[in-house]
Each structure stands twice: as structure tokens, then as C-alpha cells.
Amino acid sequence: MDKVEIDGDTADGIVRASLKDSIACLHESINKLKSKKRLTAWEKQDMADAYLSLDHLEKTFDYYGGNIN
């Protein structure tokens, strides 16, 4: 099988696109959980985990040259 080679800018663009999608999914999950009146224990843990992951993904996105705003 032949190798597929891409330049660094293309690779960074792929990573940014993936991170952007993951960030959007986390925002959606957080908003769904925030809209509930009462959260179960596991939902509270899910929200805490989502906020933690969101912070890390946003920092990684920034590292790869993405702009959150």
C-alpha cells in the first residue's frame, strides 16, 4: 500500500476541524444538562466531566491555531 503524505498545515486543519466538532458536541451536552430542573448523580458527574474536557479541548484548539470566538 502506498503512503499518503500531507503537509503540516493540512494536518493541523484536520485536527482543528475535529476539535471544533468535539467542542460543539460538548456545548450541546452541557446545554441539555443545564436545561434540566434536577440532575441525577451521574448527570452531575457527566456535566463536570464535560466542563473539564471542554477546557482541555479549547486549549488544544487554541494551540493548533483555532479561534474559539
PDB file of N, CA and C in Angstrom:
ATOM      1  N   MET A   1       0.846  -1.176   0.000  1.00  0.00           N
ATOM      2  CA  MET A   1       0.000   0.000   0.000  1.00  0.00           C
ATOM      3  C   MET A   1       0.892   1.240   0.000  1.00  0.00           C
ATOM      4  N   ASP A   2       0.527   2.203  -0.805  1.00  0.00           N
ATOM      5  CA  ASP A   2       1.273   3.458  -0.877  1.00  0.00           C
ATOM      6  C   ASP A   2       0.925   4.345   0.305  1.00  0.00           C
ATOM      7  N   LYS A   3       1.897   5.150   0.685  1.00  0.00           N
ATOM      8  CA  LYS A   3       1.680   6.085   1.780  1.00  0.00           C
ATOM      9  C   LYS A   3       0.994   7.339   1.259  1.00  0.00           C
ATOM     10  N   VAL A   4       0.146   7.898   2.096  1.00  0.00           N
ATOM     11  CA  VAL A   4      -0.462   9.193   1.800  1.00  0.00           C
ATOM     12  C   VAL A   4       0.244  10.213   2.678  1.00  0.00           C
ATOM     13  N   GLU A   5       0.783  11.224   2.046  1.00  0.00           N
ATOM     14  CA  GLU A   5       1.503  12.241   2.801  1.00  0.00           C
ATOM     15  C   GLU A   5       0.778  13.573   2.663  1.00  0.00           C
ATOM     16  N   ILE A   6       0.673  14.265   3.791  1.00  0.00           N
ATOM     17  CA  ILE A   6       0.074  15.596   3.801  1.00  0.00           C
ATOM     18  C   ILE A   6       1.023  16.543   4.526  1.00  0.00           C
ATOM     19  N   ASP A   7       0.917  17.817   4.189  1.00  0.00           N
ATOM     20  CA  ASP A   7       1.795  18.784   4.850  1.00  0.00           C
ATOM     21  C   ASP A   7       1.260  19.118   6.243  1.00  0.00           C
ATOM     22  N   GLY A   8       2.081  19.778   7.016  1.00  0.00           N
ATOM     23  CA  GLY A   8       1.729  20.113   8.398  1.00  0.00           C
ATOM     24  C   GLY A   8       0.509  21.003   8.517  1.00  0.00           C
ATOM     25  N   ASP A   9       0.348  21.950   7.610  1.00  0.00           N
ATOM     26  CA  ASP A   9      -0.812  22.847   7.670  1.00  0.00           C
ATOM     27  C   ASP A   9      -2.114  22.082   7.446  1.00  0.00           C
ATOM     28  N   THR A  10      -2.084  21.133   6.531  1.00  0.00           N
ATOM     29  CA  THR A  10      -3.270  20.321   6.281  1.00  0.00           C
ATOM     30  C   THR A  10      -3.602  19.465   7.502  1.00  0.00           C
ATOM     31  N   ALA A  11      -2.575  18.868   8.086  1.00  0.00           N
ATOM     32  CA  ALA A  11      -2.780  18.054   9.284  1.00  0.00           C
ATOM     33  C   ALA A  11      -3.353  18.898  10.415  1.00  0.00           C
ATOM     34  N   ASP A  12      -2.822  20.102  10.602  1.00  0.00           N
ATOM     35  CA  ASP A  12      -3.344  20.996  11.643  1.00  0.00           C
ATOM     36  C   ASP A  12      -4.801  21.353  11.368  1.00  0.00           C
ATOM     37  N   GLY A  13      -5.145  21.562  10.110  1.00  0.00           N
ATOM     38  CA  GLY A  13      -6.529  21.874   9.745  1.00  0.00           C
ATOM     39  C   GLY A  13      -7.474  20.731  10.068  1.00  0.00           C
ATOM     40  N   ILE A  14      -7.028  19.509   9.831  1.00  0.00           N
ATOM     41  CA  ILE A  14      -7.839  18.337  10.165  1.00  0.00           C
ATOM     42  C   ILE A  14      -8.050  18.251  11.676  1.00  0.00           C
ATOM     43  N   VAL A  15      -6.998  18.468  12.437  1.00  0.00           N
ATOM     44  CA  VAL A  15      -7.089  18.431  13.900  1.00  0.00           C
ATOM     45  C   VAL A  15      -8.033  19.525  14.392  1.00  0.00           C
ATOM     46  N   ARG A  16      -7.897  20.748  13.841  1.00  0.00           N
ATOM     47  CA  ARG A  16      -8.786  21.856  14.244  1.00  0.00           C
ATOM     48  C   ARG A  16     -10.254  21.530  13.960  1.00  0.00           C
ATOM     49  N   ALA A  17     -10.520  20.966  12.790  1.00  0.00           N
ATOM     50  CA  ALA A  17     -11.899  20.624  12.427  1.00  0.00           C
ATOM     51  C   ALA A  17     -12.477  19.585  13.385  1.00  0.00           C
ATOM     52  N   SER A  18     -11.678  18.597  13.733  1.00  0.00           N
ATOM     53  CA  SER A  18     -12.133  17.563  14.668  1.00  0.00           C
ATOM     54  C   SER A  18     -12.376  18.145  16.057  1.00  0.00           C
ATOM     55  N   LEU A  19     -11.453  18.988  16.510  1.00  0.00           N
ATOM     56  CA  LEU A  19     -11.607  19.615  17.823  1.00  0.00           C
ATOM     57  C   LEU A  19     -12.833  20.526  17.858  1.00  0.00           C
ATOM     58  N   LYS A  20     -13.050  21.280  16.795  1.00  0.00           N
ATOM     59  CA  LYS A  20     -14.199  22.183  16.729  1.00  0.00           C
ATOM     60  C   LYS A  20     -15.504  21.406  16.839  1.00  0.00           C
ATOM     61  N   ASP A  21     -15.583  20.269  16.155  1.00  0.00           N
ATOM     62  CA  ASP A  21     -16.769  19.424  16.231  1.00  0.00           C
ATOM     63  C   ASP A  21     -16.964  18.875  17.639  1.00  0.00           C
ATOM     64  N   SER A  22     -15.891  18.425  18.260  1.00  0.00           N
ATOM     65  CA  SER A  22     -15.976  17.890  19.627  1.00  0.00           C
ATOM     66  C   SER A  22     -16.403  18.972  20.617  1.00  0.00           C
ATOM     67  N   ILE A  23     -15.891  20.180  20.445  1.00  0.00           N
ATOM     68  CA  ILE A  23     -16.257  21.298  21.313  1.00  0.00           C
ATOM     69  C   ILE A  23     -17.742  21.611  21.170  1.00  0.00           C
ATOM     70  N   ALA A  24     -18.239  21.618  19.938  1.00  0.00           N
ATOM     71  CA  ALA A  24     -19.661  21.885  19.698  1.00  0.00           C
ATOM     72  C   ALA A  24     -20.534  20.806  20.347  1.00  0.00           C
ATOM     73  N   CYS A  25     -20.124  19.552  20.242  1.00  0.00           N
ATOM     74  CA  CYS A  25     -20.878  18.454  20.865  1.00  0.00           C
ATOM     75  C   CYS A  25     -20.912  18.586  22.384  1.00  0.00           C
ATOM     76  N   LEU A  26     -19.788  18.977  22.973  1.00  0.00           N
ATOM     77  CA  LEU A  26     -19.755  19.164  24.423  1.00  0.00           C
ATOM     78  C   LEU A  26     -20.652  20.318  24.855  1.00  0.00           C
ATOM     79  N   HIS A  27     -20.640  21.418  24.092  1.00  0.00           N
ATOM     80  CA  HIS A  27     -21.530  22.541  24.410  1.00  0.00           C
ATOM     81  C   HIS A  27     -22.992  22.091  24.377  1.00  0.00           C
ATOM     82  N   GLU A  28     -23.330  21.291  23.383  1.00  0.00           N
ATOM     83  CA  GLU A  28     -24.697  20.789  23.258  1.00  0.00           C
ATOM     84  C   GLU A  28     -25.065  19.909  24.455  1.00  0.00           C
ATOM     85  N   SER A  29     -24.167  19.029  24.848  1.00  0.00           N
ATOM     86  CA  SER A  29     -24.418  18.154  26.001  1.00  0.00           C
ATOM     87  C   SER A  29     -24.581  18.957  27.285  1.00  0.00           C
ATOM     88  N   ILE A  30     -23.723  19.942  27.463  1.00  0.00           N
ATOM     89  CA  ILE A  30     -23.797  20.789  28.659  1.00  0.00           C
ATOM     90  C   ILE A  30     -25.119  21.548  28.683  1.00  0.00           C
ATOM     91  N   ASN A  31     -25.517  22.100  27.553  1.00  0.00           N
ATOM     92  CA  ASN A  31     -26.776  22.854  27.497  1.00  0.00           C
ATOM     93  C   ASN A  31     -27.983  21.969  27.783  1.00  0.00           C
ATOM     94  N   LYS A  32     -27.970  20.732  27.281  1.00  0.00           N
ATOM     95  CA  LYS A  32     -29.061  19.804  27.571  1.00  0.00           C
ATOM     96  C   LYS A  32     -29.143  19.521  29.063  1.00  0.00           C
ATOM     97  N   LEU A  33     -27.992  19.294  29.684  1.00  0.00           N
ATOM     98  CA  LEU A  33     -27.985  19.003  31.120  1.00  0.00           C
ATOM     99  C   LEU A  33     -28.397  20.230  31.932  1.00  0.00           C
ATOM    100  N   LYS A  34     -27.954  21.422  31.506  1.00  0.00           N
ATOM    101  CA  LYS A  34     -28.308  22.646  32.233  1.00  0.00           C
ATOM    102  C   LYS A  34     -29.799  22.954  32.146  1.00  0.00           C
ATOM    103  N   SER A  35     -30.464  22.457  31.113  1.00  0.00           N
ATOM    104  CA  SER A  35     -31.886  22.743  30.933  1.00  0.00           C
ATOM    105  C   SER A  35     -32.778  21.895  31.848  1.00  0.00           C
ATOM    106  N   LYS A  36     -32.216  20.868  32.449  1.00  0.00           N
ATOM    107  CA  LYS A  36     -32.995  20.009  33.353  1.00  0.00           C
ATOM    108  C   LYS A  36     -33.133  20.667  34.717  1.00  0.00           C
ATOM    109  N   LYS A  37     -34.284  20.440  35.338  1.00  0.00           N
ATOM    110  CA  LYS A  37     -34.511  21.014  36.666  1.00  0.00           C
ATOM    111  C   LYS A  37     -33.680  20.304  37.725  1.00  0.00           C
ATOM    112  N   ARG A  38     -33.635  19.001  37.645  1.00  0.00           N
ATOM    113  CA  ARG A  38     -32.865  18.212  38.615  1.00  0.00           C
ATOM    114  C   ARG A  38     -32.004  17.207  37.866  1.00  0.00           C
ATOM    115  N   LEU A  39     -30.790  17.083  38.337  1.00  0.00           N
ATOM    116  CA  LEU A  39     -29.861  16.144  37.728  1.00  0.00           C
ATOM    117  C   LEU A  39     -29.618  14.963  38.658  1.00  0.00           C
ATOM    118  N   THR A  40     -29.514  13.790  38.062  1.00  0.00           N
ATOM    119  CA  THR A  40     -29.126  12.621  38.849  1.00  0.00           C
ATOM    120  C   THR A  40     -27.636  12.743  39.161  1.00  0.00           C
ATOM    121  N   ALA A  41     -27.158  11.893  40.025  1.00  0.00           N
ATOM    122  CA  ALA A  41     -25.741  11.926  40.396  1.00  0.00           C
ATOM    123  C   ALA A  41     -24.852  11.715  39.169  1.00  0.00           C
ATOM    124  N   TRP A  42     -25.234  10.788  38.307  1.00  0.00           N
ATOM    125  CA  TRP A  42     -24.399  10.529  37.133  1.00  0.00           C
ATOM    126  C   TRP A  42     -24.463  11.682  36.137  1.00  0.00           C
ATOM    127  N   GLU A  43     -25.597  12.374  36.062  1.00  0.00           N
ATOM    128  CA  GLU A  43     -25.696  13.539  35.183  1.00  0.00           C
ATOM    129  C   GLU A  43     -24.823  14.687  35.699  1.00  0.00           C
ATOM    130  N   LYS A  44     -24.779  14.850  37.006  1.00  0.00           N
ATOM    131  CA  LYS A  44     -23.893  15.862  37.594  1.00  0.00           C
ATOM    132  C   LYS A  44     -22.445  15.550  37.269  1.00  0.00           C
ATOM    133  N   GLN A  45     -22.086  14.272  37.354  1.00  0.00           N
ATOM    134  CA  GLN A  45     -20.719  13.859  37.032  1.00  0.00           C
ATOM    135  C   GLN A  45     -20.439  14.060  35.542  1.00  0.00           C
ATOM    136  N   ASP A  46     -21.430  13.738  34.708  1.00  0.00           N
ATOM    137  CA  ASP A  46     -21.275  13.968  33.260  1.00  0.00           C
ATOM    138  C   ASP A  46     -21.016  15.437  32.969  1.00  0.00           C
ATOM    139  N   MET A  47     -21.750  16.326  33.647  1.00  0.00           N
ATOM    140  CA  MET A  47     -21.571  17.751  33.418  1.00  0.00           C
ATOM    141  C   MET A  47     -20.178  18.202  33.860  1.00  0.00           C
ATOM    142  N   ALA A  48     -19.746  17.739  35.007  1.00  0.00           N
ATOM    143  CA  ALA A  48     -18.411  18.094  35.497  1.00  0.00           C
ATOM    144  C   ALA A  48     -17.337  17.602  34.523  1.00  0.00           C
ATOM    145  N   ASP A  49     -17.494  16.375  34.040  1.00  0.00           N
ATOM    146  CA  ASP A  49     -16.540  15.817  33.080  1.00  0.00           C
ATOM    147  C   ASP A  49     -16.560  16.603  31.768  1.00  0.00           C
ATOM    148  N   ALA A  50     -17.754  17.006  31.328  1.00  0.00           N
ATOM    149  CA  ALA A  50     -17.881  17.759  30.083  1.00  0.00           C
ATOM    150  C   ALA A  50     -17.181  19.110  30.197  1.00  0.00           C
ATOM    151  N   TYR A  51     -17.352  19.793  31.325  1.00  0.00           N
ATOM    152  CA  TYR A  51     -16.676  21.083  31.520  1.00  0.00           C
ATOM    153  C   TYR A  51     -15.158  20.912  31.525  1.00  0.00           C
ATOM    154  N   LEU A  52     -14.686  19.871  32.172  1.00  0.00           N
ATOM    155  CA  LEU A  52     -13.250  19.611  32.224  1.00  0.00           C
ATOM    156  C   LEU A  52     -12.708  19.302  30.819  1.00  0.00           C
ATOM    157  N   SER A  53     -13.404  18.443  30.095  1.00  0.00           N
ATOM    158  CA  SER A  53     -12.991  18.104  28.736  1.00  0.00           C
ATOM    159  C   SER A  53     -13.048  19.327  27.827  1.00  0.00           C
ATOM    160  N   LEU A  54     -14.091  20.134  27.986  1.00  0.00           N
ATOM    161  CA  LEU A  54     -14.240  21.336  27.176  1.00  0.00           C
ATOM    162  C   LEU A  54     -13.050  22.272  27.361  1.00  0.00           C
ATOM    163  N   ASP A  55     -12.643  22.459  28.589  1.00  0.00           N
ATOM    164  CA  ASP A  55     -11.491  23.314  28.873  1.00  0.00           C
ATOM    165  C   ASP A  55     -10.243  22.796  28.165  1.00  0.00           C
ATOM    166  N   HIS A  56     -10.014  21.503  28.245  1.00  0.00           N
ATOM    167  CA  HIS A  56      -8.830  20.916  27.620  1.00  0.00           C
ATOM    168  C   HIS A  56      -8.902  21.005  26.100  1.00  0.00           C
ATOM    169  N   LEU A  57     -10.075  20.730  25.537  1.00  0.00           N
ATOM    170  CA  LEU A  57     -10.213  20.792  24.085  1.00  0.00           C
ATOM    171  C   LEU A  57     -10.037  22.212  23.566  1.00  0.00           C
ATOM    172  N   GLU A  58     -10.572  23.189  24.287  1.00  0.00           N
ATOM    173  CA  GLU A  58     -10.424  24.581  23.869  1.00  0.00           C
ATOM    174  C   GLU A  58      -8.961  25.019  23.898  1.00  0.00           C
ATOM    175  N   LYS A  59      -8.221  24.581  24.896  1.00  0.00           N
ATOM    176  CA  LYS A  59      -6.796  24.916  24.963  1.00  0.00           C
ATOM    177  C   LYS A  59      -6.018  24.239  23.831  1.00  0.00           C
ATOM    178  N   THR A  60      -6.377  23.006  23.531  1.00  0.00           N
ATOM    179  CA  THR A  60      -5.722  22.290  22.433  1.00  0.00           C
ATOM    180  C   THR A  60      -6.071  22.944  21.098  1.00  0.00           C
ATOM    181  N   PHE A  61      -7.335  23.337  20.939  1.00  0.00           N
ATOM    182  CA  PHE A  61      -7.793  24.026  19.734  1.00  0.00           C
ATOM    183  C   PHE A  61      -6.997  25.314  19.530  1.00  0.00           C
ATOM    184  N   ASP A  62      -6.813  26.050  20.604  1.00  0.00           N
ATOM    185  CA  ASP A  62      -6.029  27.287  20.557  1.00  0.00           C
ATOM    186  C   ASP A  62      -4.584  26.993  20.148  1.00  0.00           C
ATOM    187  N   TYR A  63      -4.008  25.927  20.677  1.00  0.00           N
ATOM    188  CA  TYR A  63      -2.641  25.551  20.345  1.00  0.00           C
ATOM    189  C   TYR A  63      -2.475  25.307  18.844  1.00  0.00           C
ATOM    190  N   TYR A  64      -3.484  24.693  18.242  1.00  0.00           N
ATOM    191  CA  TYR A  64      -3.432  24.386  16.810  1.00  0.00           C
ATOM    192  C   TYR A  64      -3.863  25.563  15.937  1.00  0.00           C
ATOM    193  N   GLY A  65      -4.021  26.721  16.530  1.00  0.00           N
ATOM    194  CA  GLY A  65      -4.315  27.936  15.760  1.00  0.00           C
ATOM    195  C   GLY A  65      -5.781  28.221  15.557  1.00  0.00           C
ATOM    196  N   GLY A  66      -6.642  27.508  16.284  1.00  0.00           N
ATOM    197  CA  GLY A  66      -8.074  27.764  16.177  1.00  0.00           C
ATOM    198  C   GLY A  66      -8.465  28.972  16.981  1.00  0.00           C
ATOM    199  N   ASN A  67      -9.587  29.553  16.636  1.00  0.00           N
ATOM    200  CA  ASN A  67     -10.112  30.708  17.350  1.00  0.00           C
ATOM    201  C   ASN A  67     -11.508  30.359  17.863  1.00  0.00           C
ATOM    202  N   ILE A  68     -11.655  30.242  19.174  1.00  0.00           N
ATOM    203  CA  ILE A  68     -12.922  29.850  19.785  1.00  0.00           C
ATOM    204  C   ILE A  68     -14.018  30.848  19.467  1.00  0.00           C
ATOM    205  N   ASN A  69     -13.708  32.126  19.512  1.00  0.00           N
ATOM    206  CA  ASN A  69     -14.739  33.150  19.303  1.00  0.00           C
ATOM    207  C   ASN A  69     -15.029  33.276  17.888  1.00  0.00           C
TER     208      ASN A  69
END
